[in-house]
Amino acid sequence: MSKFKVDVNWIERHGGNLIIQAENEKEAIELLKSDQNRLLEIMIDKYANETFDYVGEIIVNRCSDEMDDSSIDVVIKNGEINKE
């Protein structure tokens, strides 16, 4: 029986959430949508999974005001997306 090698490509879908701290929510969402490469880097780092291929829809969920600062994943300030 002969042996042969094939290359196979696939897309894996993952989901998760990030806690965002920003001065202006609307501007922050626009920045996240426009700089998806930076957002993808942060997602890969947080979830330690380099199989992320692209960023899908960004959905805003409200957080309680009592949320501990240690749960913040991303800080958006002065037009920059930064890991906390």
PDB file of N, CA and C in Angstrom:
ATOM      1  N   MET A   1       0.837  -1.161   0.000  1.00  0.00           N
ATOM      2  CA  MET A   1       0.000   0.000   0.000  1.00  0.00           C
ATOM      3  C   MET A   1       0.895   1.242   0.000  1.00  0.00           C
ATOM      4  N   SER A   2       0.556   2.222  -0.824  1.00  0.00           N
ATOM      5  CA  SER A   2       1.368   3.433  -0.885  1.00  0.00           C
ATOM      6  C   SER A   2       0.966   4.412   0.221  1.00  0.00           C
ATOM      7  N   LYS A   3       1.931   5.227   0.572  1.00  0.00           N
ATOM      8  CA  LYS A   3       1.685   6.260   1.567  1.00  0.00           C
ATOM      9  C   LYS A   3       1.761   7.610   0.877  1.00  0.00           C
ATOM     10  N   PHE A   4       0.962   8.527   1.327  1.00  0.00           N
ATOM     11  CA  PHE A   4       1.033   9.883   0.796  1.00  0.00           C
ATOM     12  C   PHE A   4       0.595  10.871   1.860  1.00  0.00           C
ATOM     13  N   LYS A   5       1.002  12.094   1.650  1.00  0.00           N
ATOM     14  CA  LYS A   5       0.726  13.145   2.622  1.00  0.00           C
ATOM     15  C   LYS A   5      -0.193  14.176   1.981  1.00  0.00           C
ATOM     16  N   VAL A   6      -1.153  14.662   2.728  1.00  0.00           N
ATOM     17  CA  VAL A   6      -2.025  15.723   2.244  1.00  0.00           C
ATOM     18  C   VAL A   6      -2.021  16.862   3.261  1.00  0.00           C
ATOM     19  N   ASP A   7      -2.192  18.062   2.790  1.00  0.00           N
ATOM     20  CA  ASP A   7      -2.356  19.214   3.656  1.00  0.00           C
ATOM     21  C   ASP A   7      -3.843  19.467   3.813  1.00  0.00           C
ATOM     22  N   VAL A   8      -4.259  19.674   5.026  1.00  0.00           N
ATOM     23  CA  VAL A   8      -5.665  19.921   5.311  1.00  0.00           C
ATOM     24  C   VAL A   8      -5.773  21.253   6.056  1.00  0.00           C
ATOM     25  N   ASN A   9      -6.686  22.091   5.634  1.00  0.00           N
ATOM     26  CA  ASN A   9      -6.921  23.369   6.300  1.00  0.00           C
ATOM     27  C   ASN A   9      -8.301  23.353   6.940  1.00  0.00           C
ATOM     28  N   TRP A  10      -8.423  23.987   8.079  1.00  0.00           N
ATOM     29  CA  TRP A  10      -9.721  24.081   8.728  1.00  0.00           C
ATOM     30  C   TRP A  10      -9.772  25.351   9.570  1.00  0.00           C
ATOM     31  N   ILE A  11     -10.943  25.712   9.925  1.00  0.00           N
ATOM     32  CA  ILE A  11     -11.154  26.861  10.787  1.00  0.00           C
ATOM     33  C   ILE A  11     -11.804  26.368  12.063  1.00  0.00           C
ATOM     34  N   GLU A  12     -11.210  26.731  13.169  1.00  0.00           N
ATOM     35  CA  GLU A  12     -11.800  26.388  14.457  1.00  0.00           C
ATOM     36  C   GLU A  12     -12.521  27.620  14.992  1.00  0.00           C
ATOM     37  N   ARG A  13     -13.642  27.409  15.588  1.00  0.00           N
ATOM     38  CA  ARG A  13     -14.390  28.525  16.164  1.00  0.00           C
ATOM     39  C   ARG A  13     -14.296  28.436  17.679  1.00  0.00           C
ATOM     40  N   HIS A  14     -13.971  29.550  18.257  1.00  0.00           N
ATOM     41  CA  HIS A  14     -13.875  29.643  19.710  1.00  0.00           C
ATOM     42  C   HIS A  14     -14.652  30.865  20.148  1.00  0.00           C
ATOM     43  N   GLY A  15     -15.012  30.886  21.358  1.00  0.00           N
ATOM     44  CA  GLY A  15     -15.673  32.054  21.912  1.00  0.00           C
ATOM     45  C   GLY A  15     -15.139  32.320  23.301  1.00  0.00           C
ATOM     46  N   GLY A  16     -15.288  33.507  23.745  1.00  0.00           N
ATOM     47  CA  GLY A  16     -14.848  33.863  25.079  1.00  0.00           C
ATOM     48  C   GLY A  16     -15.265  35.282  25.344  1.00  0.00           C
ATOM     49  N   ASN A  17     -14.839  35.802  26.443  1.00  0.00           N
ATOM     50  CA  ASN A  17     -15.191  37.189  26.728  1.00  0.00           C
ATOM     51  C   ASN A  17     -13.999  37.917  27.286  1.00  0.00           C
ATOM     52  N   LEU A  18     -14.013  39.209  27.123  1.00  0.00           N
ATOM     53  CA  LEU A  18     -13.005  40.088  27.681  1.00  0.00           C
ATOM     54  C   LEU A  18     -13.721  41.155  28.482  1.00  0.00           C
ATOM     55  N   ILE A  19     -13.159  41.514  29.607  1.00  0.00           N
ATOM     56  CA  ILE A  19     -13.672  42.636  30.381  1.00  0.00           C
ATOM     57  C   ILE A  19     -12.878  43.856  29.940  1.00  0.00           C
ATOM     58  N   ILE A  20     -13.587  44.859  29.457  1.00  0.00           N
ATOM     59  CA  ILE A  20     -12.956  46.050  28.894  1.00  0.00           C
ATOM     60  C   ILE A  20     -13.173  47.224  29.836  1.00  0.00           C
ATOM     61  N   GLN A  21     -12.132  48.002  30.028  1.00  0.00           N
ATOM     62  CA  GLN A  21     -12.245  49.257  30.762  1.00  0.00           C
ATOM     63  C   GLN A  21     -11.890  50.368  29.790  1.00  0.00           C
ATOM     64  N   ALA A  22     -12.769  51.342  29.649  1.00  0.00           N
ATOM     65  CA  ALA A  22     -12.535  52.426  28.705  1.00  0.00           C
ATOM     66  C   ALA A  22     -13.234  53.684  29.180  1.00  0.00           C
ATOM     67  N   GLU A  23     -12.706  54.821  28.765  1.00  0.00           N
ATOM     68  CA  GLU A  23     -13.318  56.092  29.129  1.00  0.00           C
ATOM     69  C   GLU A  23     -14.625  56.307  28.380  1.00  0.00           C
ATOM     70  N   ASN A  24     -14.683  55.861  27.125  1.00  0.00           N
ATOM     71  CA  ASN A  24     -15.861  56.067  26.291  1.00  0.00           C
ATOM     72  C   ASN A  24     -16.213  54.748  25.612  1.00  0.00           C
ATOM     73  N   GLU A  25     -17.330  54.149  25.998  1.00  0.00           N
ATOM     74  CA  GLU A  25     -17.696  52.829  25.490  1.00  0.00           C
ATOM     75  C   GLU A  25     -17.864  52.809  23.971  1.00  0.00           C
ATOM     76  N   LYS A  26     -18.539  53.797  23.433  1.00  0.00           N
ATOM     77  CA  LYS A  26     -18.789  53.832  21.992  1.00  0.00           C
ATOM     78  C   LYS A  26     -17.482  53.908  21.199  1.00  0.00           C
ATOM     79  N   GLU A  27     -16.578  54.787  21.612  1.00  0.00           N
ATOM     80  CA  GLU A  27     -15.287  54.902  20.937  1.00  0.00           C
ATOM     81  C   GLU A  27     -14.475  53.621  21.098  1.00  0.00           C
ATOM     82  N   ALA A  28     -14.568  52.996  22.268  1.00  0.00           N
ATOM     83  CA  ALA A  28     -13.836  51.753  22.516  1.00  0.00           C
ATOM     84  C   ALA A  28     -14.308  50.645  21.592  1.00  0.00           C
ATOM     85  N   ILE A  29     -15.622  50.514  21.414  1.00  0.00           N
ATOM     86  CA  ILE A  29     -16.163  49.468  20.539  1.00  0.00           C
ATOM     87  C   ILE A  29     -15.717  49.714  19.098  1.00  0.00           C
ATOM     88  N   GLU A  30     -15.745  50.962  18.670  1.00  0.00           N
ATOM     89  CA  GLU A  30     -15.293  51.288  17.309  1.00  0.00           C
ATOM     90  C   GLU A  30     -13.820  50.939  17.140  1.00  0.00           C
ATOM     91  N   LEU A  31     -13.002  51.218  18.147  1.00  0.00           N
ATOM     92  CA  LEU A  31     -11.582  50.883  18.082  1.00  0.00           C
ATOM     93  C   LEU A  31     -11.380  49.376  18.033  1.00  0.00           C
ATOM     94  N   LEU A  32     -12.118  48.640  18.857  1.00  0.00           N
ATOM     95  CA  LEU A  32     -12.001  47.180  18.842  1.00  0.00           C
ATOM     96  C   LEU A  32     -12.370  46.617  17.481  1.00  0.00           C
ATOM     97  N   LYS A  33     -13.389  47.181  16.864  1.00  0.00           N
ATOM     98  CA  LYS A  33     -13.809  46.707  15.542  1.00  0.00           C
ATOM     99  C   LYS A  33     -12.800  47.079  14.465  1.00  0.00           C
ATOM    100  N   SER A  34     -12.173  48.242  14.596  1.00  0.00           N
ATOM    101  CA  SER A  34     -11.260  48.692  13.550  1.00  0.00           C
ATOM    102  C   SER A  34      -9.856  48.094  13.694  1.00  0.00           C
ATOM    103  N   ASP A  35      -9.463  47.719  14.901  1.00  0.00           N
ATOM    104  CA  ASP A  35      -8.130  47.147  15.118  1.00  0.00           C
ATOM    105  C   ASP A  35      -8.268  45.708  15.595  1.00  0.00           C
ATOM    106  N   GLN A  36      -8.874  44.891  14.761  1.00  0.00           N
ATOM    107  CA  GLN A  36      -9.134  43.506  15.152  1.00  0.00           C
ATOM    108  C   GLN A  36      -7.863  42.677  15.259  1.00  0.00           C
ATOM    109  N   ASN A  37      -6.789  43.069  14.585  1.00  0.00           N
ATOM    110  CA  ASN A  37      -5.534  42.330  14.735  1.00  0.00           C
ATOM    111  C   ASN A  37      -5.019  42.429  16.161  1.00  0.00           C
ATOM    112  N   ARG A  38      -5.095  43.627  16.748  1.00  0.00           N
ATOM    113  CA  ARG A  38      -4.650  43.800  18.129  1.00  0.00           C
ATOM    114  C   ARG A  38      -5.553  43.024  19.079  1.00  0.00           C
ATOM    115  N   LEU A  39      -6.844  43.086  18.836  1.00  0.00           N
ATOM    116  CA  LEU A  39      -7.795  42.342  19.653  1.00  0.00           C
ATOM    117  C   LEU A  39      -7.519  40.839  19.557  1.00  0.00           C
ATOM    118  N   LEU A  40      -7.217  40.369  18.377  1.00  0.00           N
ATOM    119  CA  LEU A  40      -6.908  38.952  18.175  1.00  0.00           C
ATOM    120  C   LEU A  40      -5.656  38.547  18.953  1.00  0.00           C
ATOM    121  N   GLU A  41      -4.635  39.401  18.969  1.00  0.00           N
ATOM    122  CA  GLU A  41      -3.426  39.120  19.744  1.00  0.00           C
ATOM    123  C   GLU A  41      -3.757  38.941  21.219  1.00  0.00           C
ATOM    124  N   ILE A  42      -4.605  39.810  21.732  1.00  0.00           N
ATOM    125  CA  ILE A  42      -4.977  39.739  23.147  1.00  0.00           C
ATOM    126  C   ILE A  42      -5.780  38.472  23.424  1.00  0.00           C
ATOM    127  N   MET A  43      -6.693  38.119  22.535  1.00  0.00           N
ATOM    128  CA  MET A  43      -7.486  36.900  22.704  1.00  0.00           C
ATOM    129  C   MET A  43      -6.583  35.657  22.697  1.00  0.00           C
ATOM    130  N   ILE A  44      -5.637  35.623  21.778  1.00  0.00           N
ATOM    131  CA  ILE A  44      -4.711  34.489  21.700  1.00  0.00           C
ATOM    132  C   ILE A  44      -3.917  34.382  22.995  1.00  0.00           C
ATOM    133  N   ASP A  45      -3.447  35.521  23.484  1.00  0.00           N
ATOM    134  CA  ASP A  45      -2.670  35.523  24.724  1.00  0.00           C
ATOM    135  C   ASP A  45      -3.510  35.079  25.912  1.00  0.00           C
ATOM    136  N   LYS A  46      -4.724  35.596  26.020  1.00  0.00           N
ATOM    137  CA  LYS A  46      -5.582  35.250  27.160  1.00  0.00           C
ATOM    138  C   LYS A  46      -5.952  33.772  27.158  1.00  0.00           C
ATOM    139  N   TYR A  47      -6.336  33.268  26.031  1.00  0.00           N
ATOM    140  CA  TYR A  47      -6.820  31.895  25.968  1.00  0.00           C
ATOM    141  C   TYR A  47      -5.744  30.893  25.564  1.00  0.00           C
ATOM    142  N   ALA A  48      -4.509  31.365  25.353  1.00  0.00           N
ATOM    143  CA  ALA A  48      -3.378  30.498  25.006  1.00  0.00           C
ATOM    144  C   ALA A  48      -3.736  29.545  23.880  1.00  0.00           C
ATOM    145  N   ASN A  49      -4.371  30.078  22.860  1.00  0.00           N
ATOM    146  CA  ASN A  49      -4.815  29.236  21.759  1.00  0.00           C
ATOM    147  C   ASN A  49      -4.543  29.962  20.447  1.00  0.00           C
ATOM    148  N   GLU A  50      -3.534  29.531  19.737  1.00  0.00           N
ATOM    149  CA  GLU A  50      -3.144  30.209  18.509  1.00  0.00           C
ATOM    150  C   GLU A  50      -3.967  29.777  17.304  1.00  0.00           C
ATOM    151  N   THR A  51      -5.019  29.038  17.519  1.00  0.00           N
ATOM    152  CA  THR A  51      -5.841  28.632  16.384  1.00  0.00           C
ATOM    153  C   THR A  51      -6.933  29.638  16.071  1.00  0.00           C
ATOM    154  N   PHE A  52      -6.985  30.729  16.828  1.00  0.00           N
ATOM    155  CA  PHE A  52      -7.940  31.781  16.469  1.00  0.00           C
ATOM    156  C   PHE A  52      -7.578  32.284  15.080  1.00  0.00           C
ATOM    157  N   ASP A  53      -8.563  32.456  14.239  1.00  0.00           N
ATOM    158  CA  ASP A  53      -8.320  32.865  12.861  1.00  0.00           C
ATOM    159  C   ASP A  53      -8.787  34.288  12.592  1.00  0.00           C
ATOM    160  N   TYR A  54      -9.856  34.664  13.188  1.00  0.00           N
ATOM    161  CA  TYR A  54     -10.399  35.998  12.978  1.00  0.00           C
ATOM    162  C   TYR A  54     -11.314  36.349  14.150  1.00  0.00           C
ATOM    163  N   VAL A  55     -11.634  37.619  14.243  1.00  0.00           N
ATOM    164  CA  VAL A  55     -12.554  38.070  15.289  1.00  0.00           C
ATOM    165  C   VAL A  55     -13.942  38.160  14.677  1.00  0.00           C
ATOM    166  N   GLY A  56     -14.904  37.553  15.315  1.00  0.00           N
ATOM    167  CA  GLY A  56     -16.281  37.608  14.849  1.00  0.00           C
ATOM    168  C   GLY A  56     -16.982  38.826  15.412  1.00  0.00           C
ATOM    169  N   GLU A  57     -18.255  38.719  15.580  1.00  0.00           N
ATOM    170  CA  GLU A  57     -19.066  39.822  16.079  1.00  0.00           C
ATOM    171  C   GLU A  57     -18.656  40.205  17.498  1.00  0.00           C
ATOM    172  N   ILE A  58     -18.636  41.491  17.751  1.00  0.00           N
ATOM    173  CA  ILE A  58     -18.331  41.996  19.090  1.00  0.00           C
ATOM    174  C   ILE A  58     -19.646  42.404  19.736  1.00  0.00           C
ATOM    175  N   ILE A  59     -19.962  41.768  20.845  1.00  0.00           N
ATOM    176  CA  ILE A  59     -21.228  42.025  21.540  1.00  0.00           C
ATOM    177  C   ILE A  59     -20.911  42.611  22.909  1.00  0.00           C
ATOM    178  N   VAL A  60     -21.564  43.688  23.251  1.00  0.00           N
ATOM    179  CA  VAL A  60     -21.338  44.344  24.534  1.00  0.00           C
ATOM    180  C   VAL A  60     -22.311  43.787  25.563  1.00  0.00           C
ATOM    181  N   ASN A  61     -21.774  43.342  26.682  1.00  0.00           N
ATOM    182  CA  ASN A  61     -22.576  42.905  27.821  1.00  0.00           C
ATOM    183  C   ASN A  61     -22.224  43.800  28.995  1.00  0.00           C
ATOM    184  N   ARG A  62     -23.203  44.177  29.750  1.00  0.00           N
ATOM    185  CA  ARG A  62     -22.983  45.063  30.898  1.00  0.00           C
ATOM    186  C   ARG A  62     -22.340  44.298  32.051  1.00  0.00           C
ATOM    187  N   CYS A  63     -21.445  44.990  32.755  1.00  0.00           N
ATOM    188  CA  CYS A  63     -20.810  44.437  33.947  1.00  0.00           C
ATOM    189  C   CYS A  63     -21.310  45.211  35.151  1.00  0.00           C
ATOM    190  N   SER A  64     -21.254  44.577  36.285  1.00  0.00           N
ATOM    191  CA  SER A  64     -21.666  45.274  37.504  1.00  0.00           C
ATOM    192  C   SER A  64     -20.593  46.276  37.901  1.00  0.00           C
ATOM    193  N   ASP A  65     -21.004  47.343  38.530  1.00  0.00           N
ATOM    194  CA  ASP A  65     -20.073  48.379  38.969  1.00  0.00           C
ATOM    195  C   ASP A  65     -19.137  47.878  40.061  1.00  0.00           C
ATOM    196  N   GLU A  66     -19.548  46.815  40.738  1.00  0.00           N
ATOM    197  CA  GLU A  66     -18.729  46.277  41.827  1.00  0.00           C
ATOM    198  C   GLU A  66     -17.648  45.322  41.332  1.00  0.00           C
ATOM    199  N   MET A  67     -17.506  45.150  40.022  1.00  0.00           N
ATOM    200  CA  MET A  67     -16.542  44.188  39.487  1.00  0.00           C
ATOM    201  C   MET A  67     -15.122  44.546  39.931  1.00  0.00           C
ATOM    202  N   ASP A  68     -14.400  43.549  40.353  1.00  0.00           N
ATOM    203  CA  ASP A  68     -13.028  43.701  40.823  1.00  0.00           C
ATOM    204  C   ASP A  68     -12.113  44.082  39.654  1.00  0.00           C
ATOM    205  N   ASP A  69     -11.194  45.028  39.870  1.00  0.00           N
ATOM    206  CA  ASP A  69     -10.273  45.457  38.818  1.00  0.00           C
ATOM    207  C   ASP A  69      -9.388  44.317  38.301  1.00  0.00           C
ATOM    208  N   SER A  70      -9.190  43.279  39.095  1.00  0.00           N
ATOM    209  CA  SER A  70      -8.342  42.169  38.657  1.00  0.00           C
ATOM    210  C   SER A  70      -8.986  41.371  37.528  1.00  0.00           C
ATOM    211  N   SER A  71     -10.281  41.558  37.298  1.00  0.00           N
ATOM    212  CA  SER A  71     -10.959  40.826  36.231  1.00  0.00           C
ATOM    213  C   SER A  71     -10.885  41.556  34.890  1.00  0.00           C
ATOM    214  N   ILE A  72     -10.288  42.736  34.857  1.00  0.00           N
ATOM    215  CA  ILE A  72     -10.189  43.507  33.615  1.00  0.00           C
ATOM    216  C   ILE A  72      -9.116  42.897  32.721  1.00  0.00           C
ATOM    217  N   ASP A  73      -9.470  42.645  31.460  1.00  0.00           N
ATOM    218  CA  ASP A  73      -8.536  42.060  30.496  1.00  0.00           C
ATOM    219  C   ASP A  73      -7.900  43.105  29.595  1.00  0.00           C
ATOM    220  N   VAL A  74      -8.658  44.128  29.249  1.00  0.00           N
ATOM    221  CA  VAL A  74      -8.204  45.112  28.272  1.00  0.00           C
ATOM    222  C   VAL A  74      -8.518  46.514  28.780  1.00  0.00           C
ATOM    223  N   VAL A  75      -7.571  47.406  28.601  1.00  0.00           N
ATOM    224  CA  VAL A  75      -7.786  48.811  28.911  1.00  0.00           C
ATOM    225  C   VAL A  75      -7.627  49.598  27.620  1.00  0.00           C
ATOM    226  N   ILE A  76      -8.611  50.419  27.310  1.00  0.00           N
ATOM    227  CA  ILE A  76      -8.552  51.254  26.120  1.00  0.00           C
ATOM    228  C   ILE A  76      -8.424  52.696  26.588  1.00  0.00           C
ATOM    229  N   LYS A  77      -7.317  53.311  26.199  1.00  0.00           N
ATOM    230  CA  LYS A  77      -7.053  54.674  26.624  1.00  0.00           C
ATOM    231  C   LYS A  77      -6.234  55.372  25.556  1.00  0.00           C
ATOM    232  N   ASN A  78      -6.591  56.605  25.266  1.00  0.00           N
ATOM    233  CA  ASN A  78      -5.872  57.400  24.259  1.00  0.00           C
ATOM    234  C   ASN A  78      -5.812  56.701  22.908  1.00  0.00           C
ATOM    235  N   GLY A  79      -6.889  56.029  22.548  1.00  0.00           N
ATOM    236  CA  GLY A  79      -6.969  55.389  21.252  1.00  0.00           C
ATOM    237  C   GLY A  79      -6.124  54.139  21.088  1.00  0.00           C
ATOM    238  N   GLU A  80      -5.696  53.543  22.195  1.00  0.00           N
ATOM    239  CA  GLU A  80      -4.879  52.331  22.139  1.00  0.00           C
ATOM    240  C   GLU A  80      -5.530  51.207  22.912  1.00  0.00           C
ATOM    241  N   ILE A  81      -5.391  49.992  22.391  1.00  0.00           N
ATOM    242  CA  ILE A  81      -5.897  48.784  23.042  1.00  0.00           C
ATOM    243  C   ILE A  81      -4.720  48.125  23.748  1.00  0.00           C
ATOM    244  N   ASN A  82      -4.814  47.978  25.059  1.00  0.00           N
ATOM    245  CA  ASN A  82      -3.715  47.409  25.824  1.00  0.00           C
ATOM    246  C   ASN A  82      -4.208  46.299  26.734  1.00  0.00           C
ATOM    247  N   LYS A  83      -3.350  45.293  26.892  1.00  0.00           N
ATOM    248  CA  LYS A  83      -3.634  44.254  27.874  1.00  0.00           C
ATOM    249  C   LYS A  83      -3.477  44.862  29.247  1.00  0.00           C
ATOM    250  N   GLU A  84      -4.325  44.439  30.169  1.00  0.00           N
ATOM    251  CA  GLU A  84      -4.222  44.938  31.544  1.00  0.00           C
ATOM    252  C   GLU A  84      -3.021  44.324  32.201  1.00  0.00           C
TER     253      GLU A  84
END
